[in-house]
Amino acid sequence: MAVQGIWSGTISFSLVAIPVRLVTAVEPGRVSFRLLHNKDYSPLARRMFCPEEETKVPGMRSSGDTKSRLINTC
């Protein structure tokens, strides 16, 4: 079964041109983010508890890094 492109174009860098085709997703999915401890990047549980250090982390001290991952600043 051929995939129908919803957009096609070319990206050019100097003398090099790269053809690009944008297609729809094959299957629906969900993107989820995890809160990470700032010191060791271990995942935090929803109850705002760091399992590596066994300490409770206040909810107001967590911040989002929009470029890569959510990081907690405890």
Protein backbone atom coordinates (compact mmCIF):
# COMPACT_ATOMS: atom_id res chain seq x y z
CA MET A 1 0.00 0.00 0.00
CA ALA A 2 1.52 3.32 -1.07
CA VAL A 3 1.65 6.14 1.47
CA GLN A 4 0.06 9.38 0.27
CA GLY A 5 2.19 12.43 1.05
CA ILE A 6 0.47 15.52 2.43
CA TRP A 7 3.35 17.87 1.48
CA SER A 8 6.49 17.62 -0.60
CA GLY A 9 9.35 20.02 -1.11
CA THR A 10 13.12 20.41 -1.24
CA ILE A 11 15.65 21.46 1.38
CA SER A 12 18.69 23.13 -0.19
CA PHE A 13 22.16 23.63 1.28
CA SER A 14 24.45 25.41 -1.19
CA LEU A 15 24.70 23.03 -4.17
CA VAL A 16 22.99 20.09 -2.42
CA ALA A 17 19.20 19.67 -2.67
CA ILE A 18 17.38 17.04 -0.57
CA PRO A 19 13.83 16.03 -1.53
CA VAL A 20 11.44 15.85 1.44
CA ARG A 21 7.94 14.34 1.69
CA LEU A 22 5.67 14.76 4.72
CA VAL A 23 3.25 11.89 5.37
CA THR A 24 0.54 11.30 7.96
CA ALA A 25 1.19 9.09 10.98
CA VAL A 26 0.84 5.36 10.39
CA GLU A 27 -0.77 4.65 13.73
CA PRO A 28 -2.12 6.96 16.45
CA GLY A 29 0.05 7.41 19.49
CA ARG A 30 0.41 9.37 22.68
CA VAL A 31 3.39 11.44 23.73
CA SER A 32 4.12 11.47 27.45
CA PHE A 33 6.78 13.20 29.49
CA ARG A 34 8.45 12.12 32.75
CA LEU A 35 9.68 14.41 35.51
CA LEU A 36 13.40 13.83 36.12
CA HIS A 37 15.50 14.58 39.19
CA ASN A 38 17.94 17.39 38.41
CA LYS A 39 21.01 15.75 40.02
CA ASP A 40 20.88 12.17 38.70
CA TYR A 41 18.05 12.29 36.09
CA SER A 42 16.16 9.42 37.74
CA PRO A 43 12.40 9.45 37.03
CA LEU A 44 10.17 10.98 39.71
CA ALA A 45 6.92 9.34 40.72
CA ARG A 46 3.65 11.30 40.50
CA ARG A 47 3.70 11.76 44.26
CA MET A 48 6.77 13.99 43.74
CA PHE A 49 9.22 11.62 45.45
CA CYS A 50 12.80 10.98 44.30
CA PRO A 51 13.46 7.21 44.63
CA GLU A 52 17.24 7.65 44.28
CA GLU A 53 17.61 10.02 47.27
CA GLU A 54 14.41 8.88 49.04
CA THR A 55 13.27 12.47 49.57
CA LYS A 56 9.99 14.24 48.90
CA VAL A 57 10.23 16.99 46.29
CA PRO A 58 7.93 20.03 46.55
CA GLY A 59 5.70 20.37 43.49
CA MET A 60 6.42 24.07 43.00
CA ARG A 61 10.14 23.37 42.40
CA SER A 62 9.61 21.40 39.20
CA SER A 63 10.09 23.19 35.89
CA GLY A 64 9.66 22.23 32.25
CA ASP A 65 12.47 22.20 29.72
CA THR A 66 10.60 22.76 26.46
CA LYS A 67 13.48 21.60 24.25
CA SER A 68 14.27 18.14 25.57
CA ARG A 69 12.80 16.86 28.83
CA LEU A 70 11.06 17.88 32.03
CA ILE A 71 13.57 18.38 34.84
CA ASN A 72 12.94 18.82 38.54
CA THR A 73 15.20 21.36 40.25
CA CYS A 74 15.54 19.85 43.74
